[in-house]
Amino acid sequence: MDSAAERGAVPGAQAIARAAHLLRLVTAAGTTGAPIGALAADADLTRPTVHRLLTALRREGLVDRDETTGRWLPGPELYLMGTVAASRYDITATARDIVRSLAVRTEESAFLSVRRGDETVCLLREEGSFPIRSFVLSEGVRFPLGVASAGLAILAFQAPHDVDAYFERHPDLAATWGAAHGEKRLRARLRETQERGFAVNPGLIVEGSWGMGAAVFTREGDPQWALSLTGVQFRFGPDRIAELGRTLLAHAHQLTTRVAQR
């Protein structure tokens, strides 16, 4: 990944980066859309700057504005672009029955997430049959790598120099996500994930909401996706974690095999 200095050396790179960040914020808001004030706060930009960028993006069809609510929404051009990119990057159709099987077998909510840069984005959610559920994750929700169980599983199986570079780019994880996400403690969880084969998040995002994740690999062996489970704490005792881990790894291996055969 290019450094900030290298990005700044490219004419117009800052404006492009700001616009791309706004697009991610708008799409993360889903079908309800986002008000300009919230977008400005999340992007750490002034309202006039955000309005100017959104207006330009709207002219290109990349975002749209609900004239009744004033909220900003993904535009039609994003859909057209996405349908073209889906043939290369989207494995949701390939994975859907596997995610559903994972939810049925474990009775917990099951997910498919994809790595996008230094984040994971949830692509699929299947509800389990257990009546008490965790709602930390849903389609479109993003987390930095190493924070949720899916991102922890993906980061754990990246090359060591890529992990080092990730920490160099994100020295503020502890300040944003809590002391448990400081580099020393996060590296310890990465080692545990490598030893077990799957990640465990013991309620570090929302107290009482546990998660588990297993990486899904490309044909070349890169951890690009993850299957994960979330549920309430009392459902994740030591014996059941081992059982869920075996089920999770079996489904992740099945999906990795399908990806390789595509």
C-alpha atoms as a PDB file:
ATOM      1  CA  MET A   1       0.000   0.000   0.000  1.00  0.00           C
ATOM      2  CA  ASP A   2       1.270   3.480  -0.840  1.00  0.00           C
ATOM      3  CA  SER A   3       2.319   5.706   2.024  1.00  0.00           C
ATOM      4  CA  ALA A   4       0.493   8.948   2.805  1.00  0.00           C
ATOM      5  CA  ALA A   5       3.402  10.894   1.351  1.00  0.00           C
ATOM      6  CA  GLU A   6       3.263   8.909  -1.887  1.00  0.00           C
ATOM      7  CA  ARG A   7      -0.505   9.442  -2.162  1.00  0.00           C
ATOM      8  CA  GLY A   8      -0.037  13.160  -1.600  1.00  0.00           C
ATOM      9  CA  ALA A   9       2.485  13.316  -4.432  1.00  0.00           C
ATOM     10  CA  VAL A  10      -0.149  12.291  -6.976  1.00  0.00           C
ATOM     11  CA  PRO A  11      -2.146  15.294  -8.257  1.00  0.00           C
ATOM     12  CA  GLY A  12      -5.723  15.134  -6.994  1.00  0.00           C
ATOM     13  CA  ALA A  13      -5.039  12.127  -4.766  1.00  0.00           C
ATOM     14  CA  GLN A  14      -6.332  13.821  -1.628  1.00  0.00           C
ATOM     15  CA  ALA A  15      -9.652  14.727  -3.245  1.00  0.00           C
ATOM     16  CA  ILE A  16     -10.007  11.189  -4.602  1.00  0.00           C
ATOM     17  CA  ALA A  17      -9.237   9.692  -1.185  1.00  0.00           C
ATOM     18  CA  ARG A  18     -11.822  11.956   0.460  1.00  0.00           C
ATOM     19  CA  ALA A  19     -14.449  11.092  -2.134  1.00  0.00           C
ATOM     20  CA  ALA A  20     -13.725   7.368  -1.782  1.00  0.00           C
ATOM     21  CA  HIS A  21     -14.036   7.639   1.995  1.00  0.00           C
ATOM     22  CA  LEU A  22     -17.413   9.342   1.621  1.00  0.00           C
ATOM     23  CA  LEU A  23     -18.582   6.607  -0.754  1.00  0.00           C
ATOM     24  CA  ARG A  24     -17.680   3.980   1.846  1.00  0.00           C
ATOM     25  CA  LEU A  25     -19.535   5.920   4.556  1.00  0.00           C
ATOM     26  CA  VAL A  26     -22.622   6.322   2.372  1.00  0.00           C
ATOM     27  CA  THR A  27     -22.719   2.638   1.427  1.00  0.00           C
ATOM     28  CA  ALA A  28     -22.146   1.607   5.057  1.00  0.00           C
ATOM     29  CA  ALA A  29     -25.335   3.509   5.979  1.00  0.00           C
ATOM     30  CA  GLY A  30     -27.296   1.104   3.767  1.00  0.00           C
ATOM     31  CA  THR A  31     -30.808   1.783   2.506  1.00  0.00           C
ATOM     32  CA  THR A  32     -31.625   4.285   5.258  1.00  0.00           C
ATOM     33  CA  GLY A  33     -28.952   6.671   4.036  1.00  0.00           C
ATOM     34  CA  ALA A  34     -26.857   9.111   6.043  1.00  0.00           C
ATOM     35  CA  PRO A  35     -27.368  12.823   6.856  1.00  0.00           C
ATOM     36  CA  ILE A  36     -24.661  15.199   5.773  1.00  0.00           C
ATOM     37  CA  GLY A  37     -23.820  16.135   9.357  1.00  0.00           C
ATOM     38  CA  ALA A  38     -23.027  12.535  10.271  1.00  0.00           C
ATOM     39  CA  LEU A  39     -20.963  12.080   7.101  1.00  0.00           C
ATOM     40  CA  ALA A  40     -18.970  15.223   7.840  1.00  0.00           C
ATOM     41  CA  ALA A  41     -18.289  14.087  11.404  1.00  0.00           C
ATOM     42  CA  ASP A  42     -17.293  10.551  10.389  1.00  0.00           C
ATOM     43  CA  ALA A  43     -15.080  11.810   7.565  1.00  0.00           C
ATOM     44  CA  ASP A  44     -13.561  14.542   9.772  1.00  0.00           C
ATOM     45  CA  LEU A  45     -14.352  17.147   7.102  1.00  0.00           C
ATOM     46  CA  THR A  46     -16.319  20.400   7.126  1.00  0.00           C
ATOM     47  CA  ARG A  47     -19.927  20.338   5.962  1.00  0.00           C
ATOM     48  CA  PRO A  48     -19.190  22.620   2.955  1.00  0.00           C
ATOM     49  CA  THR A  49     -16.386  20.276   1.829  1.00  0.00           C
ATOM     50  CA  VAL A  50     -18.601  17.212   2.210  1.00  0.00           C
ATOM     51  CA  HIS A  51     -21.468  18.919   0.384  1.00  0.00           C
ATOM     52  CA  ARG A  52     -19.174  19.852  -2.498  1.00  0.00           C
ATOM     53  CA  LEU A  53     -17.825  16.315  -2.810  1.00  0.00           C
ATOM     54  CA  LEU A  54     -21.251  14.705  -2.552  1.00  0.00           C
ATOM     55  CA  THR A  55     -22.648  17.058  -5.180  1.00  0.00           C
ATOM     56  CA  ALA A  56     -19.851  16.070  -7.557  1.00  0.00           C
ATOM     57  CA  LEU A  57     -20.413  12.380  -6.844  1.00  0.00           C
ATOM     58  CA  ARG A  58     -24.144  12.830  -7.399  1.00  0.00           C
ATOM     59  CA  ARG A  59     -23.559  14.334 -10.847  1.00  0.00           C
ATOM     60  CA  GLU A  60     -21.662  11.145 -11.736  1.00  0.00           C
ATOM     61  CA  GLY A  61     -24.458   8.932 -10.382  1.00  0.00           C
ATOM     62  CA  LEU A  62     -22.304   7.483  -7.599  1.00  0.00           C
ATOM     63  CA  VAL A  63     -24.517   8.800  -4.786  1.00  0.00           C
ATOM     64  CA  ASP A  64     -28.089  10.016  -4.617  1.00  0.00           C
ATOM     65  CA  ARG A  65     -30.043  12.246  -2.212  1.00  0.00           C
ATOM     66  CA  ASP A  66     -33.485  11.599  -0.804  1.00  0.00           C
ATOM     67  CA  GLU A  67     -35.212  14.942  -1.293  1.00  0.00           C
ATOM     68  CA  THR A  68     -37.686  14.196   1.508  1.00  0.00           C
ATOM     69  CA  THR A  69     -35.245  13.255   4.259  1.00  0.00           C
ATOM     70  CA  GLY A  70     -32.103  14.919   2.931  1.00  0.00           C
ATOM     71  CA  ARG A  71     -30.161  11.703   3.481  1.00  0.00           C
ATOM     72  CA  TRP A  72     -27.478  10.519   1.071  1.00  0.00           C
ATOM     73  CA  LEU A  73     -27.677   7.055  -0.480  1.00  0.00           C
ATOM     74  CA  PRO A  74     -25.660   4.885  -2.898  1.00  0.00           C
ATOM     75  CA  GLY A  75     -26.286   5.875  -6.515  1.00  0.00           C
ATOM     76  CA  PRO A  76     -27.171   3.837  -9.610  1.00  0.00           C
ATOM     77  CA  GLU A  77     -23.647   3.907 -11.054  1.00  0.00           C
ATOM     78  CA  LEU A  78     -22.377   2.021  -7.994  1.00  0.00           C
ATOM     79  CA  TYR A  79     -24.812  -0.775  -8.802  1.00  0.00           C
ATOM     80  CA  LEU A  80     -23.622  -0.957 -12.410  1.00  0.00           C
ATOM     81  CA  MET A  81     -19.973  -0.949 -11.364  1.00  0.00           C
ATOM     82  CA  GLY A  82     -20.667  -3.550  -8.715  1.00  0.00           C
ATOM     83  CA  THR A  83     -22.286  -5.976 -11.126  1.00  0.00           C
ATOM     84  CA  VAL A  84     -19.150  -5.911 -13.275  1.00  0.00           C
ATOM     85  CA  ALA A  85     -16.780  -6.311 -10.315  1.00  0.00           C
ATOM     86  CA  ALA A  86     -18.917  -9.065  -8.770  1.00  0.00           C
ATOM     87  CA  SER A  87     -17.836 -11.625 -11.348  1.00  0.00           C
ATOM     88  CA  ARG A  88     -14.279 -11.337 -10.045  1.00  0.00           C
ATOM     89  CA  TYR A  89     -14.663 -10.575  -6.337  1.00  0.00           C
ATOM     90  CA  ASP A  90     -18.086 -11.710  -5.188  1.00  0.00           C
ATOM     91  CA  ILE A  91     -18.378 -15.239  -3.833  1.00  0.00           C
ATOM     92  CA  THR A  92     -21.731 -14.775  -2.089  1.00  0.00           C
ATOM     93  CA  ALA A  93     -23.570 -17.095  -4.470  1.00  0.00           C
ATOM     94  CA  THR A  94     -20.862 -19.725  -4.011  1.00  0.00           C
ATOM     95  CA  ALA A  95     -20.917 -19.341  -0.232  1.00  0.00           C
ATOM     96  CA  ARG A  96     -24.599 -18.861   0.554  1.00  0.00           C
ATOM     97  CA  ASP A  97     -25.484 -22.502   1.233  1.00  0.00           C
ATOM     98  CA  ILE A  98     -22.309 -22.968   3.277  1.00  0.00           C
ATOM     99  CA  VAL A  99     -23.133 -19.961   5.473  1.00  0.00           C
ATOM    100  CA  ARG A 100     -26.683 -21.289   5.868  1.00  0.00           C
ATOM    101  CA  SER A 101     -25.366 -24.737   6.800  1.00  0.00           C
ATOM    102  CA  LEU A 102     -23.057 -23.169   9.386  1.00  0.00           C
ATOM    103  CA  ALA A 103     -25.999 -21.360  10.989  1.00  0.00           C
ATOM    104  CA  VAL A 104     -28.125 -24.525  11.017  1.00  0.00           C
ATOM    105  CA  ARG A 105     -25.369 -26.744  12.438  1.00  0.00           C
ATOM    106  CA  THR A 106     -24.358 -24.328  15.218  1.00  0.00           C
ATOM    107  CA  GLU A 107     -27.704 -22.571  15.867  1.00  0.00           C
ATOM    108  CA  GLU A 108     -25.709 -19.286  15.991  1.00  0.00           C
ATOM    109  CA  SER A 109     -25.741 -16.397  13.522  1.00  0.00           C
ATOM    110  CA  ALA A 110     -23.273 -17.094  10.703  1.00  0.00           C
ATOM    111  CA  PHE A 111     -21.536 -14.646   8.377  1.00  0.00           C
ATOM    112  CA  LEU A 112     -19.343 -14.278   5.326  1.00  0.00           C
ATOM    113  CA  SER A 113     -16.963 -11.306   5.300  1.00  0.00           C
ATOM    114  CA  VAL A 114     -14.466 -10.132   2.698  1.00  0.00           C
ATOM    115  CA  ARG A 115     -11.189  -8.324   3.138  1.00  0.00           C
ATOM    116  CA  ARG A 116     -11.219  -4.855   1.628  1.00  0.00           C
ATOM    117  CA  GLY A 117      -7.902  -3.091   2.179  1.00  0.00           C
ATOM    118  CA  ASP A 118      -7.343  -2.876   5.934  1.00  0.00           C
ATOM    119  CA  GLU A 119     -10.968  -3.724   6.767  1.00  0.00           C
ATOM    120  CA  THR A 120     -13.446  -6.549   6.583  1.00  0.00           C
ATOM    121  CA  VAL A 121     -16.921  -6.014   5.145  1.00  0.00           C
ATOM    122  CA  CYS A 122     -19.812  -8.346   5.975  1.00  0.00           C
ATOM    123  CA  LEU A 123     -21.417  -9.764   2.810  1.00  0.00           C
ATOM    124  CA  LEU A 124     -23.859 -12.381   4.142  1.00  0.00           C
ATOM    125  CA  ARG A 125     -25.716 -13.042   7.395  1.00  0.00           C
ATOM    126  CA  GLU A 126     -27.755 -16.122   8.244  1.00  0.00           C
ATOM    127  CA  GLU A 127     -29.667 -16.251  11.522  1.00  0.00           C
ATOM    128  CA  GLY A 128     -29.300 -19.274  13.768  1.00  0.00           C
ATOM    129  CA  SER A 129     -32.230 -20.897  15.518  1.00  0.00           C
ATOM    130  CA  PHE A 130     -31.120 -19.989  19.053  1.00  0.00           C
ATOM    131  CA  PRO A 131     -33.584 -17.294  20.203  1.00  0.00           C
ATOM    132  CA  ILE A 132     -31.022 -14.987  21.899  1.00  0.00           C
ATOM    133  CA  ARG A 133     -28.831 -13.362  19.264  1.00  0.00           C
ATOM    134  CA  SER A 134     -26.010 -10.882  18.880  1.00  0.00           C
ATOM    135  CA  PHE A 135     -26.515  -8.011  16.424  1.00  0.00           C
ATOM    136  CA  VAL A 136     -22.968  -6.678  16.242  1.00  0.00           C
ATOM    137  CA  LEU A 137     -22.598  -7.711  12.589  1.00  0.00           C
ATOM    138  CA  SER A 138     -24.831  -7.394   9.537  1.00  0.00           C
ATOM    139  CA  GLU A 139     -24.454  -6.927   5.792  1.00  0.00           C
ATOM    140  CA  GLY A 140     -22.343  -3.891   4.927  1.00  0.00           C
ATOM    141  CA  VAL A 141     -20.795  -3.439   8.381  1.00  0.00           C
ATOM    142  CA  ARG A 142     -17.044  -2.810   8.352  1.00  0.00           C
ATOM    143  CA  PHE A 143     -14.383  -3.428  10.980  1.00  0.00           C
ATOM    144  CA  PRO A 144     -10.611  -2.948  10.882  1.00  0.00           C
ATOM    145  CA  LEU A 145      -8.619  -6.137  10.473  1.00  0.00           C
ATOM    146  CA  GLY A 146      -7.909  -7.664  13.874  1.00  0.00           C
ATOM    147  CA  VAL A 147     -10.976  -6.200  15.590  1.00  0.00           C
ATOM    148  CA  ALA A 148     -13.874  -8.556  14.834  1.00  0.00           C
ATOM    149  CA  SER A 149     -13.272 -12.316  14.652  1.00  0.00           C
ATOM    150  CA  ALA A 150     -13.402 -12.378  10.828  1.00  0.00           C
ATOM    151  CA  GLY A 151     -10.687  -9.739  10.538  1.00  0.00           C
ATOM    152  CA  LEU A 152      -8.629 -11.402  13.256  1.00  0.00           C
ATOM    153  CA  ALA A 153      -8.703 -14.688  11.328  1.00  0.00           C
ATOM    154  CA  ILE A 154      -7.691 -12.963   8.087  1.00  0.00           C
ATOM    155  CA  LEU A 155      -4.888 -10.914   9.661  1.00  0.00           C
ATOM    156  CA  ALA A 156      -3.471 -13.949  11.494  1.00  0.00           C
ATOM    157  CA  PHE A 157      -2.728 -15.770   8.247  1.00  0.00           C
ATOM    158  CA  GLN A 158      -1.154 -12.908   6.337  1.00  0.00           C
ATOM    159  CA  ALA A 159       2.590 -12.854   5.769  1.00  0.00           C
ATOM    160  CA  PRO A 160       4.530 -11.519   8.787  1.00  0.00           C
ATOM    161  CA  HIS A 161       5.783  -8.447   6.913  1.00  0.00           C
ATOM    162  CA  ASP A 162       2.194  -7.587   5.940  1.00  0.00           C
ATOM    163  CA  VAL A 163       1.128  -7.844   9.584  1.00  0.00           C
ATOM    164  CA  ASP A 164       4.017  -5.555  10.606  1.00  0.00           C
ATOM    165  CA  ALA A 165       3.018  -3.043   7.926  1.00  0.00           C
ATOM    166  CA  TYR A 166      -0.589  -3.138   9.124  1.00  0.00           C
ATOM    167  CA  PHE A 167       0.413  -2.164  12.650  1.00  0.00           C
ATOM    168  CA  GLU A 168       2.601   0.632  11.278  1.00  0.00           C
ATOM    169  CA  ARG A 169      -0.380   2.028   9.376  1.00  0.00           C
ATOM    170  CA  HIS A 170      -2.746   1.747  12.356  1.00  0.00           C
ATOM    171  CA  PRO A 171      -1.032   2.811  15.593  1.00  0.00           C
ATOM    172  CA  ASP A 172      -4.353   4.111  16.966  1.00  0.00           C
ATOM    173  CA  LEU A 173      -6.285   0.824  17.246  1.00  0.00           C
ATOM    174  CA  ALA A 174      -6.168   0.846  21.063  1.00  0.00           C
ATOM    175  CA  ALA A 175      -7.314   4.465  21.235  1.00  0.00           C
ATOM    176  CA  THR A 176     -10.268   3.741  18.945  1.00  0.00           C
ATOM    177  CA  TRP A 177     -11.264   0.204  19.977  1.00  0.00           C
ATOM    178  CA  GLY A 178      -9.954  -0.148  23.517  1.00  0.00           C
ATOM    179  CA  ALA A 179      -6.788  -1.326  25.237  1.00  0.00           C
ATOM    180  CA  ALA A 180      -7.422  -4.949  24.215  1.00  0.00           C
ATOM    181  CA  HIS A 181      -6.612  -3.893  20.637  1.00  0.00           C
ATOM    182  CA  GLY A 182      -3.158  -2.529  21.424  1.00  0.00           C
ATOM    183  CA  GLU A 183      -0.424  -4.082  19.312  1.00  0.00           C
ATOM    184  CA  LYS A 184       1.053  -6.338  22.014  1.00  0.00           C
ATOM    185  CA  ARG A 185      -2.272  -7.863  23.034  1.00  0.00           C
ATOM    186  CA  LEU A 186      -3.514  -8.117  19.464  1.00  0.00           C
ATOM    187  CA  ARG A 187      -0.349  -9.906  18.362  1.00  0.00           C
ATOM    188  CA  ALA A 188      -0.922 -12.413  21.171  1.00  0.00           C
ATOM    189  CA  ARG A 189      -4.422 -13.118  19.819  1.00  0.00           C
ATOM    190  CA  LEU A 190      -2.996 -13.507  16.323  1.00  0.00           C
ATOM    191  CA  ARG A 191      -0.595 -16.176  17.612  1.00  0.00           C
ATOM    192  CA  GLU A 192      -3.466 -17.951  19.403  1.00  0.00           C
ATOM    193  CA  THR A 193      -5.479 -17.856  16.181  1.00  0.00           C
ATOM    194  CA  GLN A 194      -2.626 -19.412  14.214  1.00  0.00           C
ATOM    195  CA  GLU A 195      -2.258 -22.191  16.806  1.00  0.00           C
ATOM    196  CA  ARG A 196      -6.001 -23.002  16.949  1.00  0.00           C
ATOM    197  CA  GLY A 197      -6.712 -22.370  13.285  1.00  0.00           C
ATOM    198  CA  PHE A 198      -9.647 -20.087  14.134  1.00  0.00           C
ATOM    199  CA  ALA A 199     -10.123 -16.759  15.935  1.00  0.00           C
ATOM    200  CA  VAL A 200     -12.075 -16.074  19.122  1.00  0.00           C
ATOM    201  CA  ASN A 201     -13.351 -12.632  20.072  1.00  0.00           C
ATOM    202  CA  PRO A 202     -14.393 -12.798  23.756  1.00  0.00           C
ATOM    203  CA  GLY A 203     -16.801  -9.868  23.821  1.00  0.00           C
ATOM    204  CA  LEU A 204     -14.213  -7.222  22.981  1.00  0.00           C
ATOM    205  CA  ILE A 205     -16.510  -5.141  20.746  1.00  0.00           C
ATOM    206  CA  VAL A 206     -19.758  -5.453  22.709  1.00  0.00           C
ATOM    207  CA  GLU A 207     -19.655  -6.936  26.191  1.00  0.00           C
ATOM    208  CA  GLY A 208     -21.307 -10.339  26.315  1.00  0.00           C
ATOM    209  CA  SER A 209     -21.264 -10.802  22.533  1.00  0.00           C
ATOM    210  CA  TRP A 210     -18.704 -13.397  21.462  1.00  0.00           C
ATOM    211  CA  GLY A 211     -17.478 -14.231  17.987  1.00  0.00           C
ATOM    212  CA  MET A 212     -15.409 -16.844  16.204  1.00  0.00           C
ATOM    213  CA  GLY A 213     -13.881 -16.665  12.731  1.00  0.00           C
ATOM    214  CA  ALA A 214     -12.002 -18.843  10.232  1.00  0.00           C
ATOM    215  CA  ALA A 215     -10.159 -17.633   7.156  1.00  0.00           C
ATOM    216  CA  VAL A 216     -11.119 -18.618   3.606  1.00  0.00           C
ATOM    217  CA  PHE A 217      -8.261 -18.596   1.120  1.00  0.00           C
ATOM    218  CA  THR A 218      -7.813 -17.782  -2.556  1.00  0.00           C
ATOM    219  CA  ARG A 219      -6.381 -20.320  -4.966  1.00  0.00           C
ATOM    220  CA  GLU A 220      -2.998 -18.685  -4.325  1.00  0.00           C
ATOM    221  CA  GLY A 221      -3.303 -19.155  -0.565  1.00  0.00           C
ATOM    222  CA  ASP A 222      -4.157 -15.595   0.456  1.00  0.00           C
ATOM    223  CA  PRO A 223      -6.708 -15.107   3.274  1.00  0.00           C
ATOM    224  CA  GLN A 224      -9.290 -13.012   1.435  1.00  0.00           C
ATOM    225  CA  TRP A 225     -12.562 -13.948   3.175  1.00  0.00           C
ATOM    226  CA  ALA A 226     -13.730 -15.342   6.504  1.00  0.00           C
ATOM    227  CA  LEU A 227     -16.644 -17.289   7.889  1.00  0.00           C
ATOM    228  CA  SER A 228     -17.683 -16.282  11.385  1.00  0.00           C
ATOM    229  CA  LEU A 229     -20.187 -16.931  14.142  1.00  0.00           C
ATOM    230  CA  THR A 230     -21.571 -14.617  16.814  1.00  0.00           C
ATOM    231  CA  GLY A 231     -23.663 -15.304  19.883  1.00  0.00           C
ATOM    232  CA  VAL A 232     -24.120 -14.590  23.562  1.00  0.00           C
ATOM    233  CA  GLN A 233     -21.334 -15.355  26.002  1.00  0.00           C
ATOM    234  CA  PHE A 234     -22.848 -18.313  27.856  1.00  0.00           C
ATOM    235  CA  ARG A 235     -23.052 -20.207  24.548  1.00  0.00           C
ATOM    236  CA  PHE A 236     -19.252 -20.093  24.160  1.00  0.00           C
ATOM    237  CA  GLY A 237     -17.874 -22.239  26.964  1.00  0.00           C
ATOM    238  CA  PRO A 238     -14.498 -23.982  26.462  1.00  0.00           C
ATOM    239  CA  ASP A 239     -15.939 -27.320  25.321  1.00  0.00           C
ATOM    240  CA  ARG A 240     -18.386 -25.728  22.914  1.00  0.00           C
ATOM    241  CA  ILE A 241     -15.726 -23.393  21.493  1.00  0.00           C
ATOM    242  CA  ALA A 242     -13.739 -26.471  20.497  1.00  0.00           C
ATOM    243  CA  GLU A 243     -16.819 -28.027  18.885  1.00  0.00           C
ATOM    244  CA  LEU A 244     -17.784 -24.811  17.097  1.00  0.00           C
ATOM    245  CA  GLY A 245     -14.193 -24.377  15.946  1.00  0.00           C
ATOM    246  CA  ARG A 246     -14.165 -27.772  14.262  1.00  0.00           C
ATOM    247  CA  THR A 247     -17.449 -27.007  12.504  1.00  0.00           C
ATOM    248  CA  LEU A 248     -16.272 -23.549  11.484  1.00  0.00           C
ATOM    249  CA  LEU A 249     -12.987 -24.853  10.066  1.00  0.00           C
ATOM    250  CA  ALA A 250     -14.753 -27.609   8.126  1.00  0.00           C
ATOM    251  CA  HIS A 251     -17.069 -25.089   6.474  1.00  0.00           C
ATOM    252  CA  ALA A 252     -14.174 -22.673   5.776  1.00  0.00           C
ATOM    253  CA  HIS A 253     -12.211 -25.507   4.145  1.00  0.00           C
ATOM    254  CA  GLN A 254     -15.236 -26.424   2.032  1.00  0.00           C
ATOM    255  CA  LEU A 255     -15.573 -22.841   0.815  1.00  0.00           C
ATOM    256  CA  THR A 256     -11.828 -22.530   0.150  1.00  0.00           C
ATOM    257  CA  THR A 257     -12.063 -25.667  -2.002  1.00  0.00           C
ATOM    258  CA  ARG A 258     -15.008 -24.218  -3.943  1.00  0.00           C
ATOM    259  CA  VAL A 259     -13.164 -20.945  -4.523  1.00  0.00           C
ATOM    260  CA  ALA A 260     -10.165 -22.838  -5.905  1.00  0.00           C
ATOM    261  CA  GLN A 261     -12.417 -24.741  -8.304  1.00  0.00           C
ATOM    262  CA  ARG A 262     -14.217 -21.673  -9.690  1.00  0.00           C
END
